[in-house]
């Protein structure tokens, strides 16, 4: 057998015990949805809300063929993740979830699941782009578009049935949770570290934090001459283009044409989503420092961690867009 096939099979064997088949049935109508999930710990499974609703009667089948009852303990309205809890302890060890920054462009990956009604399927590909943000419109008039950060695009095909399953690298690590077919043969996946954070927050608190910044902007780089002349701490950041009144950025004192160079000391800031990512790890109401360049002077502001307003509508999968809007 060739080396490539050997590596794929070894990685699949490593992760397969932690991949489960999800059967969700709607009470009353007995309407059925089938999909995939991946074990997070000995009682919890990450899956997709495209498959599971809170009121569904859920059965998961593990790799040993045994069926176990589960309940949905929470659905994240931004990433459309469903977190399941089994009634009995799962007899498998959870897989390794890759940390942030572990899925560079070009990384060989494969999607594992139960595609098209077949169990233990695999489709191969690579990471086409990382740290992608897409925007989905709210179904509530005036609520704006919600940014969805921490996404990967891959040409490993996602079919009906393996949504909610793991995207895996050749080390057998989970690098993403398979989402939806997207554009031009590409599929979207949620970074494993993002999915694990959202799941852990739902398990611990009943919900996940999705920060609202209240400003939009574009990344830019400062010429080295000005960095040296002004003794700037960094040479890049996000230039603020719009700050609506009443949002966290406005209350923090952020102004148009400011450059946000760091958040809580993290640098460099290459996109607005990085700021949200840092704030997402903090508690609601906590204030986080922003290092800001304003008219040649560096100052520090404090932005409060606040939830995106009216984030209570499930995403319309058909209307996910890649264009940037106000944040």
C-alpha atoms as a PDB file:
ATOM      1  CA  UNK A   1       0.000   0.000   0.000  1.00  0.00           C
ATOM      2  CA  UNK A   2       1.270   3.502  -0.809  1.00  0.00           C
ATOM      3  CA  UNK A   3       2.366   5.885   1.949  1.00  0.00           C
ATOM      4  CA  UNK A   4      -0.479   8.355   1.376  1.00  0.00           C
ATOM      5  CA  UNK A   5      -3.182   5.714   1.760  1.00  0.00           C
ATOM      6  CA  UNK A   6      -1.434   4.258   4.786  1.00  0.00           C
ATOM      7  CA  UNK A   7      -1.359   7.673   6.480  1.00  0.00           C
ATOM      8  CA  UNK A   8      -5.037   8.310   5.730  1.00  0.00           C
ATOM      9  CA  UNK A   9      -6.152   4.951   7.055  1.00  0.00           C
ATOM     10  CA  UNK A  10      -4.077   5.348  10.219  1.00  0.00           C
ATOM     11  CA  UNK A  11      -5.557   8.803  10.896  1.00  0.00           C
ATOM     12  CA  UNK A  12      -9.083   7.533  10.222  1.00  0.00           C
ATOM     13  CA  UNK A  13      -8.597   4.593  12.596  1.00  0.00           C
ATOM     14  CA  UNK A  14      -7.437   7.029  15.264  1.00  0.00           C
ATOM     15  CA  UNK A  15     -10.488   9.296  15.103  1.00  0.00           C
ATOM     16  CA  UNK A  16     -13.220   6.851  14.052  1.00  0.00           C
ATOM     17  CA  UNK A  17     -14.148   5.657  17.601  1.00  0.00           C
ATOM     18  CA  UNK A  18     -15.078   9.241  18.509  1.00  0.00           C
ATOM     19  CA  UNK A  19     -17.362   9.763  15.500  1.00  0.00           C
ATOM     20  CA  UNK A  20     -21.049   9.033  16.121  1.00  0.00           C
ATOM     21  CA  UNK A  21     -24.135   8.669  13.979  1.00  0.00           C
ATOM     22  CA  UNK A  22     -26.929  11.049  15.080  1.00  0.00           C
ATOM     23  CA  UNK A  23     -30.616  10.215  14.606  1.00  0.00           C
ATOM     24  CA  UNK A  24     -32.987  13.057  15.565  1.00  0.00           C
ATOM     25  CA  UNK A  25     -36.777  12.701  15.437  1.00  0.00           C
ATOM     26  CA  UNK A  26     -39.328  15.460  15.899  1.00  0.00           C
ATOM     27  CA  UNK A  27     -41.975  14.567  18.511  1.00  0.00           C
ATOM     28  CA  UNK A  28     -45.464  14.293  17.102  1.00  0.00           C
ATOM     29  CA  UNK A  29     -44.531  14.203  13.430  1.00  0.00           C
ATOM     30  CA  UNK A  30     -41.721  11.638  13.822  1.00  0.00           C
ATOM     31  CA  UNK A  31     -39.840  13.539  11.126  1.00  0.00           C
ATOM     32  CA  UNK A  32     -36.291  12.213  11.036  1.00  0.00           C
ATOM     33  CA  UNK A  33     -32.935  13.864  10.413  1.00  0.00           C
ATOM     34  CA  UNK A  34     -29.657  11.982  10.174  1.00  0.00           C
ATOM     35  CA  UNK A  35     -26.188  13.353  10.621  1.00  0.00           C
ATOM     36  CA  UNK A  36     -22.874  13.069  12.400  1.00  0.00           C
ATOM     37  CA  UNK A  37     -21.348  14.161  15.684  1.00  0.00           C
ATOM     38  CA  UNK A  38     -17.969  14.014  17.360  1.00  0.00           C
ATOM     39  CA  UNK A  39     -17.297  13.184  21.007  1.00  0.00           C
ATOM     40  CA  UNK A  40     -16.180  16.150  23.115  1.00  0.00           C
ATOM     41  CA  UNK A  41     -15.910  14.310  26.426  1.00  0.00           C
ATOM     42  CA  UNK A  42     -17.363  11.156  27.970  1.00  0.00           C
ATOM     43  CA  UNK A  43     -20.884  12.630  28.116  1.00  0.00           C
ATOM     44  CA  UNK A  44     -21.024  15.364  25.476  1.00  0.00           C
ATOM     45  CA  UNK A  45     -21.110  15.372  21.679  1.00  0.00           C
ATOM     46  CA  UNK A  46     -20.758  18.254  19.229  1.00  0.00           C
ATOM     47  CA  UNK A  47     -23.112  18.107  16.265  1.00  0.00           C
ATOM     48  CA  UNK A  48     -25.016  20.495  13.998  1.00  0.00           C
ATOM     49  CA  UNK A  49     -28.308  22.300  14.546  1.00  0.00           C
ATOM     50  CA  UNK A  50     -29.045  21.541  10.911  1.00  0.00           C
ATOM     51  CA  UNK A  51     -29.796  18.065  12.255  1.00  0.00           C
ATOM     52  CA  UNK A  52     -30.929  18.542  15.843  1.00  0.00           C
ATOM     53  CA  UNK A  53     -33.526  20.726  17.547  1.00  0.00           C
ATOM     54  CA  UNK A  54     -33.883  21.206  21.286  1.00  0.00           C
ATOM     55  CA  UNK A  55     -37.119  19.191  21.513  1.00  0.00           C
ATOM     56  CA  UNK A  56     -35.965  16.270  19.350  1.00  0.00           C
ATOM     57  CA  UNK A  57     -35.779  12.682  20.498  1.00  0.00           C
ATOM     58  CA  UNK A  58     -32.149  11.835  19.835  1.00  0.00           C
ATOM     59  CA  UNK A  59     -30.282   8.575  19.458  1.00  0.00           C
ATOM     60  CA  UNK A  60     -26.554   8.344  18.854  1.00  0.00           C
ATOM     61  CA  UNK A  61     -24.825   5.254  17.572  1.00  0.00           C
ATOM     62  CA  UNK A  62     -21.182   4.852  18.466  1.00  0.00           C
ATOM     63  CA  UNK A  63     -18.548   3.035  16.447  1.00  0.00           C
ATOM     64  CA  UNK A  64     -19.179  -0.189  18.391  1.00  0.00           C
ATOM     65  CA  UNK A  65     -22.719  -0.241  16.973  1.00  0.00           C
ATOM     66  CA  UNK A  66     -24.463   0.464  20.280  1.00  0.00           C
ATOM     67  CA  UNK A  67     -27.275   3.027  20.367  1.00  0.00           C
ATOM     68  CA  UNK A  68     -27.611   5.475  23.251  1.00  0.00           C
ATOM     69  CA  UNK A  69     -30.210   8.099  24.067  1.00  0.00           C
ATOM     70  CA  UNK A  70     -29.160  11.723  24.204  1.00  0.00           C
ATOM     71  CA  UNK A  71     -30.685  15.128  24.744  1.00  0.00           C
ATOM     72  CA  UNK A  72     -29.804  18.471  23.192  1.00  0.00           C
ATOM     73  CA  UNK A  73     -28.681  20.762  26.019  1.00  0.00           C
ATOM     74  CA  UNK A  74     -28.040  23.819  23.886  1.00  0.00           C
ATOM     75  CA  UNK A  75     -27.891  25.247  20.373  1.00  0.00           C
ATOM     76  CA  UNK A  76     -25.607  28.104  19.442  1.00  0.00           C
ATOM     77  CA  UNK A  77     -27.482  30.581  17.224  1.00  0.00           C
ATOM     78  CA  UNK A  78     -24.342  31.947  15.528  1.00  0.00           C
ATOM     79  CA  UNK A  79     -22.343  28.841  14.653  1.00  0.00           C
ATOM     80  CA  UNK A  80     -25.418  26.625  14.523  1.00  0.00           C
ATOM     81  CA  UNK A  81     -23.775  24.014  16.718  1.00  0.00           C
ATOM     82  CA  UNK A  82     -25.853  21.574  18.765  1.00  0.00           C
ATOM     83  CA  UNK A  83     -24.423  20.172  21.990  1.00  0.00           C
ATOM     84  CA  UNK A  84     -25.740  16.758  23.023  1.00  0.00           C
ATOM     85  CA  UNK A  85     -25.505  14.963  26.342  1.00  0.00           C
ATOM     86  CA  UNK A  86     -25.824  11.188  26.570  1.00  0.00           C
ATOM     87  CA  UNK A  87     -27.641   9.462  29.399  1.00  0.00           C
ATOM     88  CA  UNK A  88     -24.792   7.038  29.968  1.00  0.00           C
ATOM     89  CA  UNK A  89     -21.046   7.458  29.857  1.00  0.00           C
ATOM     90  CA  UNK A  90     -19.512   7.066  26.414  1.00  0.00           C
ATOM     91  CA  UNK A  91     -16.937   4.264  26.332  1.00  0.00           C
ATOM     92  CA  UNK A  92     -14.488   6.124  24.072  1.00  0.00           C
ATOM     93  CA  UNK A  93     -11.822   8.693  24.734  1.00  0.00           C
ATOM     94  CA  UNK A  94     -12.386  12.043  23.031  1.00  0.00           C
ATOM     95  CA  UNK A  95     -10.134  12.908  20.104  1.00  0.00           C
ATOM     96  CA  UNK A  96      -7.549  15.670  20.178  1.00  0.00           C
ATOM     97  CA  UNK A  97      -8.989  19.042  19.196  1.00  0.00           C
ATOM     98  CA  UNK A  98      -6.290  21.033  17.409  1.00  0.00           C
ATOM     99  CA  UNK A  99      -5.453  24.426  18.951  1.00  0.00           C
ATOM    100  CA  UNK A 100      -5.889  27.688  17.099  1.00  0.00           C
ATOM    101  CA  UNK A 101      -3.470  28.204  14.242  1.00  0.00           C
ATOM    102  CA  UNK A 102      -3.173  24.485  13.529  1.00  0.00           C
ATOM    103  CA  UNK A 103      -4.933  24.494  10.160  1.00  0.00           C
ATOM    104  CA  UNK A 104      -2.740  26.430   7.702  1.00  0.00           C
ATOM    105  CA  UNK A 105      -3.693  26.783   4.062  1.00  0.00           C
ATOM    106  CA  UNK A 106      -2.634  23.648   2.220  1.00  0.00           C
ATOM    107  CA  UNK A 107      -3.029  21.290   5.183  1.00  0.00           C
ATOM    108  CA  UNK A 108      -4.294  17.882   4.048  1.00  0.00           C
ATOM    109  CA  UNK A 109      -7.612  17.059   5.735  1.00  0.00           C
ATOM    110  CA  UNK A 110     -10.524  14.682   5.424  1.00  0.00           C
ATOM    111  CA  UNK A 111     -14.177  14.879   6.442  1.00  0.00           C
ATOM    112  CA  UNK A 112     -15.489  11.882   8.383  1.00  0.00           C
ATOM    113  CA  UNK A 113     -19.114  11.005   8.906  1.00  0.00           C
ATOM    114  CA  UNK A 114     -22.150   9.248   7.595  1.00  0.00           C
ATOM    115  CA  UNK A 115     -22.606  10.921   4.226  1.00  0.00           C
ATOM    116  CA  UNK A 116     -25.578  10.018   2.020  1.00  0.00           C
ATOM    117  CA  UNK A 117     -26.775   7.371   4.464  1.00  0.00           C
ATOM    118  CA  UNK A 118     -23.521   5.402   4.502  1.00  0.00           C
ATOM    119  CA  UNK A 119     -21.588   4.955   7.744  1.00  0.00           C
ATOM    120  CA  UNK A 120     -17.912   5.784   8.231  1.00  0.00           C
ATOM    121  CA  UNK A 121     -17.414   7.717   5.008  1.00  0.00           C
ATOM    122  CA  UNK A 122     -14.395   9.857   4.211  1.00  0.00           C
ATOM    123  CA  UNK A 123     -13.806  12.643   1.703  1.00  0.00           C
ATOM    124  CA  UNK A 124     -10.334  14.104   1.303  1.00  0.00           C
ATOM    125  CA  UNK A 125      -9.045  17.552   0.463  1.00  0.00           C
ATOM    126  CA  UNK A 126      -7.046  20.380   1.965  1.00  0.00           C
ATOM    127  CA  UNK A 127      -7.561  23.675   3.770  1.00  0.00           C
ATOM    128  CA  UNK A 128      -8.230  26.296   1.113  1.00  0.00           C
ATOM    129  CA  UNK A 129      -8.414  29.319   3.415  1.00  0.00           C
ATOM    130  CA  UNK A 130      -8.347  29.888   7.142  1.00  0.00           C
ATOM    131  CA  UNK A 131      -9.628  32.466   9.620  1.00  0.00           C
ATOM    132  CA  UNK A 132     -12.489  33.275   7.307  1.00  0.00           C
ATOM    133  CA  UNK A 133     -15.410  35.450   8.369  1.00  0.00           C
ATOM    134  CA  UNK A 134     -18.773  35.243   6.635  1.00  0.00           C
ATOM    135  CA  UNK A 135     -21.828  37.349   7.329  1.00  0.00           C
ATOM    136  CA  UNK A 136     -25.349  36.102   7.678  1.00  0.00           C
ATOM    137  CA  UNK A 137     -28.334  38.443   7.709  1.00  0.00           C
ATOM    138  CA  UNK A 138     -30.558  38.547  10.757  1.00  0.00           C
ATOM    139  CA  UNK A 139     -34.188  37.719  10.123  1.00  0.00           C
ATOM    140  CA  UNK A 140     -35.096  40.642  12.373  1.00  0.00           C
ATOM    141  CA  UNK A 141     -35.439  43.952  10.563  1.00  0.00           C
ATOM    142  CA  UNK A 142     -32.771  46.439  11.577  1.00  0.00           C
ATOM    143  CA  UNK A 143     -30.591  43.924  13.420  1.00  0.00           C
ATOM    144  CA  UNK A 144     -27.891  44.040  10.739  1.00  0.00           C
ATOM    145  CA  UNK A 145     -25.640  41.208   9.673  1.00  0.00           C
ATOM    146  CA  UNK A 146     -23.979  38.853  12.122  1.00  0.00           C
ATOM    147  CA  UNK A 147     -20.261  38.114  11.562  1.00  0.00           C
ATOM    148  CA  UNK A 148     -19.313  34.447  11.902  1.00  0.00           C
ATOM    149  CA  UNK A 149     -15.569  34.213  12.611  1.00  0.00           C
ATOM    150  CA  UNK A 150     -13.142  31.333  12.866  1.00  0.00           C
ATOM    151  CA  UNK A 151     -14.197  29.436   9.761  1.00  0.00           C
ATOM    152  CA  UNK A 152     -12.188  27.255   7.415  1.00  0.00           C
ATOM    153  CA  UNK A 153     -12.905  26.547   3.775  1.00  0.00           C
ATOM    154  CA  UNK A 154     -12.002  23.159   2.392  1.00  0.00           C
ATOM    155  CA  UNK A 155     -12.535  21.159  -0.771  1.00  0.00           C
ATOM    156  CA  UNK A 156     -13.134  18.022   1.298  1.00  0.00           C
ATOM    157  CA  UNK A 157     -16.742  17.528   0.294  1.00  0.00           C
ATOM    158  CA  UNK A 158     -19.518  17.732   2.859  1.00  0.00           C
ATOM    159  CA  UNK A 159     -22.647  15.815   1.916  1.00  0.00           C
ATOM    160  CA  UNK A 160     -25.997  15.365   3.681  1.00  0.00           C
ATOM    161  CA  UNK A 161     -25.208  13.055   6.566  1.00  0.00           C
ATOM    162  CA  UNK A 162     -21.683  14.103   7.498  1.00  0.00           C
ATOM    163  CA  UNK A 163     -22.613  17.635   8.545  1.00  0.00           C
ATOM    164  CA  UNK A 164     -21.605  18.025  12.186  1.00  0.00           C
ATOM    165  CA  UNK A 165     -18.783  15.522  11.812  1.00  0.00           C
ATOM    166  CA  UNK A 166     -15.072  16.189  12.233  1.00  0.00           C
ATOM    167  CA  UNK A 167     -12.608  17.580   9.728  1.00  0.00           C
ATOM    168  CA  UNK A 168      -9.411  15.693  10.535  1.00  0.00           C
ATOM    169  CA  UNK A 169      -5.710  16.057   9.706  1.00  0.00           C
ATOM    170  CA  UNK A 170      -3.199  13.283   9.077  1.00  0.00           C
ATOM    171  CA  UNK A 171      -2.275  13.195  12.765  1.00  0.00           C
ATOM    172  CA  UNK A 172      -5.844  12.203  13.594  1.00  0.00           C
ATOM    173  CA  UNK A 173      -6.607  15.542  15.227  1.00  0.00           C
ATOM    174  CA  UNK A 174      -9.939  17.295  14.806  1.00  0.00           C
ATOM    175  CA  UNK A 175      -9.176  20.617  13.099  1.00  0.00           C
ATOM    176  CA  UNK A 176     -12.778  21.572  12.345  1.00  0.00           C
ATOM    177  CA  UNK A 177     -16.465  20.704  12.548  1.00  0.00           C
ATOM    178  CA  UNK A 178     -17.997  20.257   9.107  1.00  0.00           C
ATOM    179  CA  UNK A 179     -20.620  22.850   8.309  1.00  0.00           C
ATOM    180  CA  UNK A 180     -22.245  23.461   4.957  1.00  0.00           C
ATOM    181  CA  UNK A 181     -21.442  23.215   1.251  1.00  0.00           C
ATOM    182  CA  UNK A 182     -20.578  26.763   0.237  1.00  0.00           C
ATOM    183  CA  UNK A 183     -19.334  28.023  -3.113  1.00  0.00           C
ATOM    184  CA  UNK A 184     -17.479  26.547  -6.063  1.00  0.00           C
ATOM    185  CA  UNK A 185     -17.195  23.079  -4.573  1.00  0.00           C
ATOM    186  CA  UNK A 186     -15.865  24.395  -1.271  1.00  0.00           C
ATOM    187  CA  UNK A 187     -17.337  23.645   2.143  1.00  0.00           C
ATOM    188  CA  UNK A 188     -17.252  25.590   5.378  1.00  0.00           C
ATOM    189  CA  UNK A 189     -16.006  24.173   8.672  1.00  0.00           C
ATOM    190  CA  UNK A 190     -15.811  25.714  12.138  1.00  0.00           C
ATOM    191  CA  UNK A 191     -12.322  25.713  13.617  1.00  0.00           C
ATOM    192  CA  UNK A 192     -12.026  22.996  16.241  1.00  0.00           C
ATOM    193  CA  UNK A 193     -10.824  25.406  18.934  1.00  0.00           C
ATOM    194  CA  UNK A 194     -13.790  27.717  18.261  1.00  0.00           C
ATOM    195  CA  UNK A 195     -16.268  24.824  18.355  1.00  0.00           C
ATOM    196  CA  UNK A 196     -14.760  23.486  21.580  1.00  0.00           C
ATOM    197  CA  UNK A 197     -14.937  26.932  23.214  1.00  0.00           C
ATOM    198  CA  UNK A 198     -18.579  27.412  22.209  1.00  0.00           C
ATOM    199  CA  UNK A 199     -19.464  23.903  23.415  1.00  0.00           C
ATOM    200  CA  UNK A 200     -17.697  24.360  26.756  1.00  0.00           C
ATOM    201  CA  UNK A 201     -19.450  27.676  27.385  1.00  0.00           C
ATOM    202  CA  UNK A 202     -22.836  26.111  26.614  1.00  0.00           C
ATOM    203  CA  UNK A 203     -22.104  23.196  28.953  1.00  0.00           C
ATOM    204  CA  UNK A 204     -20.935  25.492  31.752  1.00  0.00           C
ATOM    205  CA  UNK A 205     -23.247  28.496  31.339  1.00  0.00           C
ATOM    206  CA  UNK A 206     -26.041  27.465  28.991  1.00  0.00           C
ATOM    207  CA  UNK A 207     -24.868  29.855  26.260  1.00  0.00           C
ATOM    208  CA  UNK A 208     -21.737  31.019  24.459  1.00  0.00           C
ATOM    209  CA  UNK A 209     -20.419  34.585  24.353  1.00  0.00           C
ATOM    210  CA  UNK A 210     -20.399  36.251  20.909  1.00  0.00           C
ATOM    211  CA  UNK A 211     -19.040  39.762  21.364  1.00  0.00           C
ATOM    212  CA  UNK A 212     -20.503  42.805  19.670  1.00  0.00           C
ATOM    213  CA  UNK A 213     -17.824  45.361  18.812  1.00  0.00           C
ATOM    214  CA  UNK A 214     -19.981  48.152  17.457  1.00  0.00           C
ATOM    215  CA  UNK A 215     -17.567  49.274  14.748  1.00  0.00           C
ATOM    216  CA  UNK A 216     -16.348  48.270  11.324  1.00  0.00           C
ATOM    217  CA  UNK A 217     -12.895  48.662   9.842  1.00  0.00           C
ATOM    218  CA  UNK A 218     -10.174  47.341   7.593  1.00  0.00           C
ATOM    219  CA  UNK A 219      -6.703  46.036   8.332  1.00  0.00           C
ATOM    220  CA  UNK A 220      -3.769  48.221   7.321  1.00  0.00           C
ATOM    221  CA  UNK A 221       0.015  48.329   7.687  1.00  0.00           C
ATOM    222  CA  UNK A 222       2.032  51.366   8.813  1.00  0.00           C
ATOM    223  CA  UNK A 223       5.172  52.350   6.919  1.00  0.00           C
ATOM    224  CA  UNK A 224       8.350  51.590   8.860  1.00  0.00           C
ATOM    225  CA  UNK A 225       9.385  55.241   8.704  1.00  0.00           C
ATOM    226  CA  UNK A 226       6.339  56.256  10.751  1.00  0.00           C
ATOM    227  CA  UNK A 227       6.724  53.315  13.114  1.00  0.00           C
ATOM    228  CA  UNK A 228      10.243  54.478  13.943  1.00  0.00           C
ATOM    229  CA  UNK A 229       9.397  58.189  13.995  1.00  0.00           C
ATOM    230  CA  UNK A 230       6.433  57.781  16.344  1.00  0.00           C
ATOM    231  CA  UNK A 231       7.983  54.913  18.335  1.00  0.00           C
ATOM    232  CA  UNK A 232       4.910  52.790  17.717  1.00  0.00           C
ATOM    233  CA  UNK A 233       4.591  49.426  19.460  1.00  0.00           C
ATOM    234  CA  UNK A 234       3.327  47.659  16.297  1.00  0.00           C
ATOM    235  CA  UNK A 235       3.321  48.244  12.573  1.00  0.00           C
ATOM    236  CA  UNK A 236      -0.265  47.223  11.780  1.00  0.00           C
ATOM    237  CA  UNK A 237      -3.828  47.214  12.986  1.00  0.00           C
ATOM    238  CA  UNK A 238      -7.448  47.816  12.030  1.00  0.00           C
ATOM    239  CA  UNK A 239      -8.443  51.277  10.832  1.00  0.00           C
ATOM    240  CA  UNK A 240     -11.882  52.191  12.170  1.00  0.00           C
ATOM    241  CA  UNK A 241     -14.273  53.272   9.421  1.00  0.00           C
ATOM    242  CA  UNK A 242     -17.650  53.490  11.145  1.00  0.00           C
ATOM    243  CA  UNK A 243     -18.727  53.734  14.790  1.00  0.00           C
ATOM    244  CA  UNK A 244     -22.516  53.798  15.284  1.00  0.00           C
ATOM    245  CA  UNK A 245     -23.823  55.488  18.412  1.00  0.00           C
ATOM    246  CA  UNK A 246     -24.836  53.366  21.377  1.00  0.00           C
ATOM    247  CA  UNK A 247     -22.505  50.426  20.783  1.00  0.00           C
ATOM    248  CA  UNK A 248     -19.585  49.144  22.873  1.00  0.00           C
ATOM    249  CA  UNK A 249     -16.993  50.912  20.697  1.00  0.00           C
ATOM    250  CA  UNK A 250     -18.835  54.234  20.938  1.00  0.00           C
ATOM    251  CA  UNK A 251     -19.093  53.942  24.722  1.00  0.00           C
ATOM    252  CA  UNK A 252     -15.395  53.067  24.872  1.00  0.00           C
ATOM    253  CA  UNK A 253     -14.523  56.304  23.062  1.00  0.00           C
ATOM    254  CA  UNK A 254     -13.384  54.779  19.778  1.00  0.00           C
ATOM    255  CA  UNK A 255     -13.534  57.186  16.819  1.00  0.00           C
ATOM    256  CA  UNK A 256     -13.447  56.908  13.053  1.00  0.00           C
ATOM    257  CA  UNK A 257      -9.888  56.854  11.640  1.00  0.00           C
ATOM    258  CA  UNK A 258      -8.507  55.416  14.889  1.00  0.00           C
ATOM    259  CA  UNK A 259      -6.268  52.394  14.353  1.00  0.00           C
ATOM    260  CA  UNK A 260      -6.774  49.546  16.811  1.00  0.00           C
ATOM    261  CA  UNK A 261      -3.296  48.062  17.143  1.00  0.00           C
ATOM    262  CA  UNK A 262      -3.777  45.567  19.967  1.00  0.00           C
ATOM    263  CA  UNK A 263      -6.449  44.053  22.158  1.00  0.00           C
ATOM    264  CA  UNK A 264      -5.456  43.006  25.664  1.00  0.00           C
ATOM    265  CA  UNK A 265      -1.823  43.111  24.575  1.00  0.00           C
ATOM    266  CA  UNK A 266      -2.313  40.618  21.740  1.00  0.00           C
ATOM    267  CA  UNK A 267      -0.724  41.553  18.419  1.00  0.00           C
ATOM    268  CA  UNK A 268      -0.596  41.874  15.526  1.00  0.00           C
ATOM    269  CA  UNK A 269      -4.255  42.462  14.707  1.00  0.00           C
ATOM    270  CA  UNK A 270      -4.739  41.338  11.130  1.00  0.00           C
ATOM    271  CA  UNK A 271      -8.551  41.514  10.969  1.00  0.00           C
ATOM    272  CA  UNK A 272     -11.556  42.610  13.006  1.00  0.00           C
ATOM    273  CA  UNK A 273     -12.450  38.988  13.771  1.00  0.00           C
ATOM    274  CA  UNK A 274      -9.275  38.665  15.849  1.00  0.00           C
ATOM    275  CA  UNK A 275     -10.612  41.277  18.264  1.00  0.00           C
ATOM    276  CA  UNK A 276     -13.889  39.400  18.613  1.00  0.00           C
ATOM    277  CA  UNK A 277     -11.976  36.167  19.176  1.00  0.00           C
ATOM    278  CA  UNK A 278     -10.084  37.656  22.139  1.00  0.00           C
ATOM    279  CA  UNK A 279     -13.258  39.114  23.645  1.00  0.00           C
ATOM    280  CA  UNK A 280     -15.105  35.811  23.162  1.00  0.00           C
ATOM    281  CA  UNK A 281     -12.889  34.247  25.815  1.00  0.00           C
ATOM    282  CA  UNK A 282     -13.944  36.829  28.402  1.00  0.00           C
ATOM    283  CA  UNK A 283     -17.022  37.144  30.596  1.00  0.00           C
ATOM    284  CA  UNK A 284     -19.965  39.336  29.724  1.00  0.00           C
ATOM    285  CA  UNK A 285     -19.480  42.814  31.145  1.00  0.00           C
ATOM    286  CA  UNK A 286     -15.727  42.494  31.545  1.00  0.00           C
ATOM    287  CA  UNK A 287     -13.673  45.384  30.166  1.00  0.00           C
ATOM    288  CA  UNK A 288     -10.742  44.665  27.876  1.00  0.00           C
ATOM    289  CA  UNK A 289      -8.001  47.169  26.904  1.00  0.00           C
ATOM    290  CA  UNK A 290      -7.602  48.326  23.302  1.00  0.00           C
ATOM    291  CA  UNK A 291      -4.334  49.909  22.202  1.00  0.00           C
ATOM    292  CA  UNK A 292      -5.299  52.666  19.762  1.00  0.00           C
ATOM    293  CA  UNK A 293      -3.283  54.964  17.484  1.00  0.00           C
ATOM    294  CA  UNK A 294      -5.026  58.340  17.172  1.00  0.00           C
ATOM    295  CA  UNK A 295      -3.476  61.264  15.295  1.00  0.00           C
ATOM    296  CA  UNK A 296       0.050  60.028  15.886  1.00  0.00           C
ATOM    297  CA  UNK A 297      -0.392  59.240  19.576  1.00  0.00           C
ATOM    298  CA  UNK A 298      -0.926  55.860  21.229  1.00  0.00           C
ATOM    299  CA  UNK A 299      -3.690  55.671  23.811  1.00  0.00           C
ATOM    300  CA  UNK A 300      -5.528  52.905  25.639  1.00  0.00           C
ATOM    301  CA  UNK A 301      -9.297  52.494  25.760  1.00  0.00           C
ATOM    302  CA  UNK A 302     -11.466  49.983  27.577  1.00  0.00           C
ATOM    303  CA  UNK A 303     -14.158  48.113  25.641  1.00  0.00           C
ATOM    304  CA  UNK A 304     -16.840  46.125  27.442  1.00  0.00           C
ATOM    305  CA  UNK A 305     -17.688  42.561  26.418  1.00  0.00           C
ATOM    306  CA  UNK A 306     -21.291  42.641  25.215  1.00  0.00           C
ATOM    307  CA  UNK A 307     -23.411  40.118  23.359  1.00  0.00           C
ATOM    308  CA  UNK A 308     -24.417  40.768  19.764  1.00  0.00           C
ATOM    309  CA  UNK A 309     -27.844  42.428  19.924  1.00  0.00           C
ATOM    310  CA  UNK A 310     -30.851  40.248  19.126  1.00  0.00           C
ATOM    311  CA  UNK A 311     -28.787  37.184  18.327  1.00  0.00           C
ATOM    312  CA  UNK A 312     -31.758  34.901  18.739  1.00  0.00           C
ATOM    313  CA  UNK A 313     -32.620  33.833  15.236  1.00  0.00           C
ATOM    314  CA  UNK A 314     -31.238  30.620  13.707  1.00  0.00           C
ATOM    315  CA  UNK A 315     -29.090  31.288  10.652  1.00  0.00           C
ATOM    316  CA  UNK A 316     -30.679  30.975   7.245  1.00  0.00           C
ATOM    317  CA  UNK A 317     -28.167  28.679   5.611  1.00  0.00           C
ATOM    318  CA  UNK A 318     -29.188  29.702   2.090  1.00  0.00           C
ATOM    319  CA  UNK A 319     -28.401  33.353   2.816  1.00  0.00           C
ATOM    320  CA  UNK A 320     -24.877  33.083   4.258  1.00  0.00           C
ATOM    321  CA  UNK A 321     -22.803  35.720   2.495  1.00  0.00           C
ATOM    322  CA  UNK A 322     -19.114  36.503   2.360  1.00  0.00           C
ATOM    323  CA  UNK A 323     -19.445  40.281   1.967  1.00  0.00           C
ATOM    324  CA  UNK A 324     -18.458  42.435   4.914  1.00  0.00           C
ATOM    325  CA  UNK A 325     -20.986  44.634   6.679  1.00  0.00           C
ATOM    326  CA  UNK A 326     -21.107  46.768   9.803  1.00  0.00           C
ATOM    327  CA  UNK A 327     -20.112  44.871  12.891  1.00  0.00           C
END
